[in-house]
């Protein structure tokens, strides 16, 4: 069956049936504002279905929200992510992740995670070989498999990404806390992402839409 028909059928299933009865590789609903968002290089509809492995990208004139059970991910303009059933991967740009179900976001060899059952929200920005992480609410951890750092609410962390993907050499020297000026800039970024999200978007599992910090 062509992928386009699978997405159409899954769109109806998302409305008519519980998430547990959906196709196993459907990640959630994608809501787009703007004109140049794509999924795997093809133009994205205003409302679409995201599948495990899809690459969702926003251009300079669009933003997007991915909603799933208990989790909302807002993409800024010029952002690219790879959707995943277990973890989303941030390839470039900025995302705000809000979750009560527990969420995992990959950035090269790093994993940003929030625990299930507790509301948590964070901003992750990737520019070239650097990740800037700002915890907005709740408990947020970041780990490279060797070192794990808890990022308290309204605290930011800068991590130098390895030149070679999946490398973990020189871990300790790559981590540093953000200064207050940096945190202020990221709070503005988070607010801008929130302002671009269409008001009233709520996923089928009643996840709370992203709101400005």
C-alpha atoms as a PDB file:
ATOM      1  CA  UNK A   1       0.000   0.000   0.000  1.00  0.00           C
ATOM      2  CA  UNK A   2       1.473   3.435  -0.920  1.00  0.00           C
ATOM      3  CA  UNK A   3       2.671   5.509   2.018  1.00  0.00           C
ATOM      4  CA  UNK A   4       0.218   8.312   1.156  1.00  0.00           C
ATOM      5  CA  UNK A   5      -2.746   5.948   1.613  1.00  0.00           C
ATOM      6  CA  UNK A   6      -1.303   4.626   4.867  1.00  0.00           C
ATOM      7  CA  UNK A   7      -1.166   8.194   6.204  1.00  0.00           C
ATOM      8  CA  UNK A   8      -4.734   8.945   5.121  1.00  0.00           C
ATOM      9  CA  UNK A   9      -6.082   5.800   6.748  1.00  0.00           C
ATOM     10  CA  UNK A  10      -4.060   6.423   9.920  1.00  0.00           C
ATOM     11  CA  UNK A  11      -5.428   9.963  10.122  1.00  0.00           C
ATOM     12  CA  UNK A  12      -8.931   8.546  10.398  1.00  0.00           C
ATOM     13  CA  UNK A  13      -7.769   5.948  12.918  1.00  0.00           C
ATOM     14  CA  UNK A  14      -6.257   8.672  15.100  1.00  0.00           C
ATOM     15  CA  UNK A  15      -9.698  10.283  15.321  1.00  0.00           C
ATOM     16  CA  UNK A  16     -11.910   7.221  15.478  1.00  0.00           C
ATOM     17  CA  UNK A  17      -9.866   4.678  17.403  1.00  0.00           C
ATOM     18  CA  UNK A  18      -7.668   4.534  20.531  1.00  0.00           C
ATOM     19  CA  UNK A  19      -3.940   4.968  19.998  1.00  0.00           C
ATOM     20  CA  UNK A  20      -3.348   1.355  21.032  1.00  0.00           C
ATOM     21  CA  UNK A  21      -5.185   0.140  17.929  1.00  0.00           C
ATOM     22  CA  UNK A  22      -3.216   2.282  15.490  1.00  0.00           C
ATOM     23  CA  UNK A  23      -0.429   1.066  13.275  1.00  0.00           C
ATOM     24  CA  UNK A  24       2.581   0.391  15.470  1.00  0.00           C
ATOM     25  CA  UNK A  25       4.840   2.777  13.554  1.00  0.00           C
ATOM     26  CA  UNK A  26       2.566   5.838  13.796  1.00  0.00           C
ATOM     27  CA  UNK A  27       4.241   8.318  16.166  1.00  0.00           C
ATOM     28  CA  UNK A  28       1.588  11.034  16.394  1.00  0.00           C
ATOM     29  CA  UNK A  29      -0.176  13.922  14.712  1.00  0.00           C
ATOM     30  CA  UNK A  30       1.718  16.746  13.008  1.00  0.00           C
ATOM     31  CA  UNK A  31       0.178  20.235  12.910  1.00  0.00           C
ATOM     32  CA  UNK A  32       1.898  22.753  10.637  1.00  0.00           C
ATOM     33  CA  UNK A  33       1.637  26.522  10.364  1.00  0.00           C
ATOM     34  CA  UNK A  34       3.342  28.059   7.360  1.00  0.00           C
ATOM     35  CA  UNK A  35       4.177  27.025   3.835  1.00  0.00           C
ATOM     36  CA  UNK A  36       7.478  25.163   3.639  1.00  0.00           C
ATOM     37  CA  UNK A  37       7.406  22.248   6.097  1.00  0.00           C
ATOM     38  CA  UNK A  38       8.298  18.841   4.676  1.00  0.00           C
ATOM     39  CA  UNK A  39       8.222  15.162   5.625  1.00  0.00           C
ATOM     40  CA  UNK A  40      11.023  13.176   4.003  1.00  0.00           C
ATOM     41  CA  UNK A  41      11.448  16.026   1.524  1.00  0.00           C
ATOM     42  CA  UNK A  42       7.782  16.141   0.469  1.00  0.00           C
ATOM     43  CA  UNK A  43       5.408  19.006   1.268  1.00  0.00           C
ATOM     44  CA  UNK A  44       3.617  18.495   4.569  1.00  0.00           C
ATOM     45  CA  UNK A  45      -0.122  19.074   4.938  1.00  0.00           C
ATOM     46  CA  UNK A  46      -1.514  21.381   7.609  1.00  0.00           C
ATOM     47  CA  UNK A  47      -2.421  18.228   9.544  1.00  0.00           C
ATOM     48  CA  UNK A  48      -0.540  15.008   8.881  1.00  0.00           C
ATOM     49  CA  UNK A  49       0.474  11.754  10.540  1.00  0.00           C
ATOM     50  CA  UNK A  50       4.064  11.218  11.663  1.00  0.00           C
ATOM     51  CA  UNK A  51       5.613   7.766  11.415  1.00  0.00           C
ATOM     52  CA  UNK A  52       8.643   6.165  13.008  1.00  0.00           C
ATOM     53  CA  UNK A  53      11.683   7.200  10.962  1.00  0.00           C
ATOM     54  CA  UNK A  54      10.060  10.185   9.212  1.00  0.00           C
ATOM     55  CA  UNK A  55      12.238  13.265   8.877  1.00  0.00           C
ATOM     56  CA  UNK A  56      10.185  16.367   9.619  1.00  0.00           C
ATOM     57  CA  UNK A  57      11.689  19.709   8.621  1.00  0.00           C
ATOM     58  CA  UNK A  58      10.453  23.284   8.859  1.00  0.00           C
ATOM     59  CA  UNK A  59      11.724  26.017   6.584  1.00  0.00           C
ATOM     60  CA  UNK A  60      12.060  29.700   7.211  1.00  0.00           C
ATOM     61  CA  UNK A  61       8.316  30.237   6.827  1.00  0.00           C
ATOM     62  CA  UNK A  62       6.850  27.441   8.924  1.00  0.00           C
ATOM     63  CA  UNK A  63       6.656  25.895  12.370  1.00  0.00           C
ATOM     64  CA  UNK A  64       5.234  22.570  13.474  1.00  0.00           C
ATOM     65  CA  UNK A  65       3.857  20.702  16.460  1.00  0.00           C
ATOM     66  CA  UNK A  66       3.974  16.941  16.949  1.00  0.00           C
ATOM     67  CA  UNK A  67       1.457  15.611  19.457  1.00  0.00           C
ATOM     68  CA  UNK A  68       1.367  12.100  20.872  1.00  0.00           C
ATOM     69  CA  UNK A  69       0.162  10.490  24.079  1.00  0.00           C
ATOM     70  CA  UNK A  70       1.115  12.902  26.873  1.00  0.00           C
ATOM     71  CA  UNK A  71       3.848  14.657  24.866  1.00  0.00           C
ATOM     72  CA  UNK A  72       3.926  17.789  22.707  1.00  0.00           C
ATOM     73  CA  UNK A  73       6.984  18.762  20.635  1.00  0.00           C
ATOM     74  CA  UNK A  74       7.080  22.235  19.048  1.00  0.00           C
ATOM     75  CA  UNK A  75       9.521  22.890  16.208  1.00  0.00           C
ATOM     76  CA  UNK A  76      10.848  26.349  15.463  1.00  0.00           C
ATOM     77  CA  UNK A  77      11.487  27.554  11.914  1.00  0.00           C
ATOM     78  CA  UNK A  78      14.527  26.028  10.184  1.00  0.00           C
ATOM     79  CA  UNK A  79      14.423  22.913  12.350  1.00  0.00           C
ATOM     80  CA  UNK A  80      14.826  19.275  11.391  1.00  0.00           C
ATOM     81  CA  UNK A  81      13.994  16.201  13.477  1.00  0.00           C
ATOM     82  CA  UNK A  82      13.764  12.464  12.907  1.00  0.00           C
ATOM     83  CA  UNK A  83      10.624  11.073  14.492  1.00  0.00           C
ATOM     84  CA  UNK A  84      10.881   7.902  16.537  1.00  0.00           C
ATOM     85  CA  UNK A  85       8.548   5.655  18.484  1.00  0.00           C
ATOM     86  CA  UNK A  86      11.016   5.573  21.391  1.00  0.00           C
ATOM     87  CA  UNK A  87      13.028   8.768  20.878  1.00  0.00           C
ATOM     88  CA  UNK A  88      13.041  11.768  18.588  1.00  0.00           C
ATOM     89  CA  UNK A  89      16.354  12.904  17.114  1.00  0.00           C
ATOM     90  CA  UNK A  90      17.149  16.612  16.822  1.00  0.00           C
ATOM     91  CA  UNK A  91      19.173  17.110  13.655  1.00  0.00           C
ATOM     92  CA  UNK A  92      19.229  20.919  13.508  1.00  0.00           C
ATOM     93  CA  UNK A  93      17.405  23.915  14.939  1.00  0.00           C
ATOM     94  CA  UNK A  94      15.297  24.300  18.081  1.00  0.00           C
ATOM     95  CA  UNK A  95      12.503  22.335  19.753  1.00  0.00           C
ATOM     96  CA  UNK A  96      10.458  22.746  22.906  1.00  0.00           C
ATOM     97  CA  UNK A  97       9.418  19.406  24.411  1.00  0.00           C
ATOM     98  CA  UNK A  98       6.615  19.233  26.971  1.00  0.00           C
ATOM     99  CA  UNK A  99       5.716  15.849  28.447  1.00  0.00           C
ATOM    100  CA  UNK A 100       3.940  14.077  31.273  1.00  0.00           C
ATOM    101  CA  UNK A 101       4.475  10.624  29.800  1.00  0.00           C
ATOM    102  CA  UNK A 102       8.281  10.751  29.733  1.00  0.00           C
ATOM    103  CA  UNK A 103      10.174  11.767  26.604  1.00  0.00           C
ATOM    104  CA  UNK A 104      13.572  11.030  25.065  1.00  0.00           C
ATOM    105  CA  UNK A 105      15.346  13.253  22.562  1.00  0.00           C
ATOM    106  CA  UNK A 106      18.602  12.241  20.873  1.00  0.00           C
ATOM    107  CA  UNK A 107      21.295  14.682  19.755  1.00  0.00           C
ATOM    108  CA  UNK A 108      24.234  12.700  18.351  1.00  0.00           C
ATOM    109  CA  UNK A 109      25.483  10.614  21.311  1.00  0.00           C
ATOM    110  CA  UNK A 110      23.426  12.548  23.871  1.00  0.00           C
ATOM    111  CA  UNK A 111      20.011  11.641  25.265  1.00  0.00           C
ATOM    112  CA  UNK A 112      17.774  14.248  26.871  1.00  0.00           C
ATOM    113  CA  UNK A 113      15.111  12.572  28.998  1.00  0.00           C
ATOM    114  CA  UNK A 114      12.204  13.400  31.270  1.00  0.00           C
ATOM    115  CA  UNK A 115      10.553  10.916  33.659  1.00  0.00           C
ATOM    116  CA  UNK A 116       7.015   9.586  33.176  1.00  0.00           C
ATOM    117  CA  UNK A 117       4.263  10.781  35.472  1.00  0.00           C
ATOM    118  CA  UNK A 118       5.791  14.219  36.099  1.00  0.00           C
ATOM    119  CA  UNK A 119       5.269  17.270  33.919  1.00  0.00           C
ATOM    120  CA  UNK A 120       8.544  18.500  32.456  1.00  0.00           C
ATOM    121  CA  UNK A 121       9.471  20.892  29.674  1.00  0.00           C
ATOM    122  CA  UNK A 122      12.759  21.834  28.010  1.00  0.00           C
ATOM    123  CA  UNK A 123      14.210  23.732  25.079  1.00  0.00           C
ATOM    124  CA  UNK A 124      16.934  22.084  23.006  1.00  0.00           C
ATOM    125  CA  UNK A 125      18.843  24.104  20.401  1.00  0.00           C
ATOM    126  CA  UNK A 126      21.435  22.567  18.111  1.00  0.00           C
ATOM    127  CA  UNK A 127      23.760  24.791  16.132  1.00  0.00           C
ATOM    128  CA  UNK A 128      26.594  23.059  14.278  1.00  0.00           C
ATOM    129  CA  UNK A 129      28.620  21.169  16.900  1.00  0.00           C
ATOM    130  CA  UNK A 130      26.974  22.592  20.019  1.00  0.00           C
ATOM    131  CA  UNK A 131      23.832  21.737  21.980  1.00  0.00           C
ATOM    132  CA  UNK A 132      22.247  24.308  24.274  1.00  0.00           C
ATOM    133  CA  UNK A 133      19.731  22.823  26.672  1.00  0.00           C
ATOM    134  CA  UNK A 134      17.408  24.829  28.909  1.00  0.00           C
ATOM    135  CA  UNK A 135      15.184  23.125  31.487  1.00  0.00           C
ATOM    136  CA  UNK A 136      11.925  25.079  31.744  1.00  0.00           C
ATOM    137  CA  UNK A 137       9.921  22.907  34.125  1.00  0.00           C
ATOM    138  CA  UNK A 138      10.299  19.669  36.079  1.00  0.00           C
ATOM    139  CA  UNK A 139      13.142  17.146  35.943  1.00  0.00           C
ATOM    140  CA  UNK A 140      15.365  17.030  32.865  1.00  0.00           C
ATOM    141  CA  UNK A 141      18.437  14.792  32.502  1.00  0.00           C
ATOM    142  CA  UNK A 142      21.047  14.662  29.756  1.00  0.00           C
ATOM    143  CA  UNK A 143      23.420  11.740  29.298  1.00  0.00           C
ATOM    144  CA  UNK A 144      26.058  10.547  26.861  1.00  0.00           C
ATOM    145  CA  UNK A 145      26.084   7.025  28.296  1.00  0.00           C
ATOM    146  CA  UNK A 146      29.048   7.780  30.566  1.00  0.00           C
ATOM    147  CA  UNK A 147      28.096  11.037  32.258  1.00  0.00           C
ATOM    148  CA  UNK A 148      24.588  12.072  33.310  1.00  0.00           C
ATOM    149  CA  UNK A 149      23.727  15.605  34.344  1.00  0.00           C
ATOM    150  CA  UNK A 150      20.477  16.713  35.967  1.00  0.00           C
ATOM    151  CA  UNK A 151      19.452  20.137  34.687  1.00  0.00           C
ATOM    152  CA  UNK A 152      17.322  21.950  37.295  1.00  0.00           C
ATOM    153  CA  UNK A 153      14.390  24.096  36.186  1.00  0.00           C
ATOM    154  CA  UNK A 154      15.419  27.449  34.683  1.00  0.00           C
ATOM    155  CA  UNK A 155      19.008  26.237  34.388  1.00  0.00           C
ATOM    156  CA  UNK A 156      20.895  25.770  31.143  1.00  0.00           C
ATOM    157  CA  UNK A 157      23.670  23.483  29.951  1.00  0.00           C
ATOM    158  CA  UNK A 158      26.022  23.792  26.967  1.00  0.00           C
ATOM    159  CA  UNK A 159      27.505  20.622  25.489  1.00  0.00           C
ATOM    160  CA  UNK A 160      30.068  20.461  22.705  1.00  0.00           C
ATOM    161  CA  UNK A 161      29.009  17.714  20.332  1.00  0.00           C
ATOM    162  CA  UNK A 162      31.699  15.325  19.109  1.00  0.00           C
ATOM    163  CA  UNK A 163      33.129  15.946  15.661  1.00  0.00           C
ATOM    164  CA  UNK A 164      32.617  12.268  14.898  1.00  0.00           C
ATOM    165  CA  UNK A 165      29.034  11.050  15.504  1.00  0.00           C
ATOM    166  CA  UNK A 166      28.544   8.694  18.460  1.00  0.00           C
ATOM    167  CA  UNK A 167      32.031   9.453  19.810  1.00  0.00           C
ATOM    168  CA  UNK A 168      32.224  10.072  23.563  1.00  0.00           C
ATOM    169  CA  UNK A 169      35.863  11.062  23.890  1.00  0.00           C
ATOM    170  CA  UNK A 170      36.680  14.007  26.118  1.00  0.00           C
ATOM    171  CA  UNK A 171      33.280  14.062  27.787  1.00  0.00           C
ATOM    172  CA  UNK A 172      34.036  16.096  30.905  1.00  0.00           C
ATOM    173  CA  UNK A 173      35.614  19.033  29.078  1.00  0.00           C
ATOM    174  CA  UNK A 174      32.605  19.440  26.789  1.00  0.00           C
ATOM    175  CA  UNK A 175      29.998  20.239  29.491  1.00  0.00           C
ATOM    176  CA  UNK A 176      29.445  23.698  30.968  1.00  0.00           C
ATOM    177  CA  UNK A 177      26.597  25.597  32.613  1.00  0.00           C
ATOM    178  CA  UNK A 178      25.072  28.492  30.709  1.00  0.00           C
ATOM    179  CA  UNK A 179      25.393  32.027  32.039  1.00  0.00           C
ATOM    180  CA  UNK A 180      22.332  34.093  32.918  1.00  0.00           C
ATOM    181  CA  UNK A 181      22.627  36.116  29.694  1.00  0.00           C
ATOM    182  CA  UNK A 182      22.586  32.906  27.637  1.00  0.00           C
ATOM    183  CA  UNK A 183      19.586  31.627  29.586  1.00  0.00           C
ATOM    184  CA  UNK A 184      17.776  34.908  28.917  1.00  0.00           C
ATOM    185  CA  UNK A 185      18.338  34.527  25.178  1.00  0.00           C
ATOM    186  CA  UNK A 186      17.057  30.940  25.225  1.00  0.00           C
ATOM    187  CA  UNK A 187      13.957  31.984  27.162  1.00  0.00           C
ATOM    188  CA  UNK A 188      13.225  34.436  24.345  1.00  0.00           C
ATOM    189  CA  UNK A 189      13.691  31.612  21.819  1.00  0.00           C
ATOM    190  CA  UNK A 190      11.332  29.359  23.786  1.00  0.00           C
ATOM    191  CA  UNK A 191       8.748  32.136  23.932  1.00  0.00           C
ATOM    192  CA  UNK A 192       9.037  32.730  20.181  1.00  0.00           C
ATOM    193  CA  UNK A 193       8.453  29.050  19.469  1.00  0.00           C
ATOM    194  CA  UNK A 194       5.421  29.049  21.742  1.00  0.00           C
ATOM    195  CA  UNK A 195       4.030  32.185  20.096  1.00  0.00           C
ATOM    196  CA  UNK A 196       4.204  30.499  16.689  1.00  0.00           C
ATOM    197  CA  UNK A 197       2.142  27.503  17.764  1.00  0.00           C
ATOM    198  CA  UNK A 198      -1.485  27.609  16.644  1.00  0.00           C
ATOM    199  CA  UNK A 199      -3.677  28.299  19.665  1.00  0.00           C
ATOM    200  CA  UNK A 200      -6.014  25.541  20.683  1.00  0.00           C
ATOM    201  CA  UNK A 201      -4.001  22.606  19.294  1.00  0.00           C
ATOM    202  CA  UNK A 202      -4.551  19.721  21.665  1.00  0.00           C
ATOM    203  CA  UNK A 203      -3.644  16.140  20.888  1.00  0.00           C
ATOM    204  CA  UNK A 204      -6.121  13.278  21.015  1.00  0.00           C
ATOM    205  CA  UNK A 205      -4.746  12.184  24.385  1.00  0.00           C
ATOM    206  CA  UNK A 206      -5.343  15.627  25.965  1.00  0.00           C
ATOM    207  CA  UNK A 207      -1.690  16.673  26.177  1.00  0.00           C
ATOM    208  CA  UNK A 208      -1.342  20.334  27.139  1.00  0.00           C
ATOM    209  CA  UNK A 209      -0.255  22.682  24.313  1.00  0.00           C
ATOM    210  CA  UNK A 210       3.077  24.425  24.704  1.00  0.00           C
ATOM    211  CA  UNK A 211       2.718  27.767  26.451  1.00  0.00           C
ATOM    212  CA  UNK A 212       5.239  30.560  26.786  1.00  0.00           C
ATOM    213  CA  UNK A 213       7.502  30.176  29.846  1.00  0.00           C
END
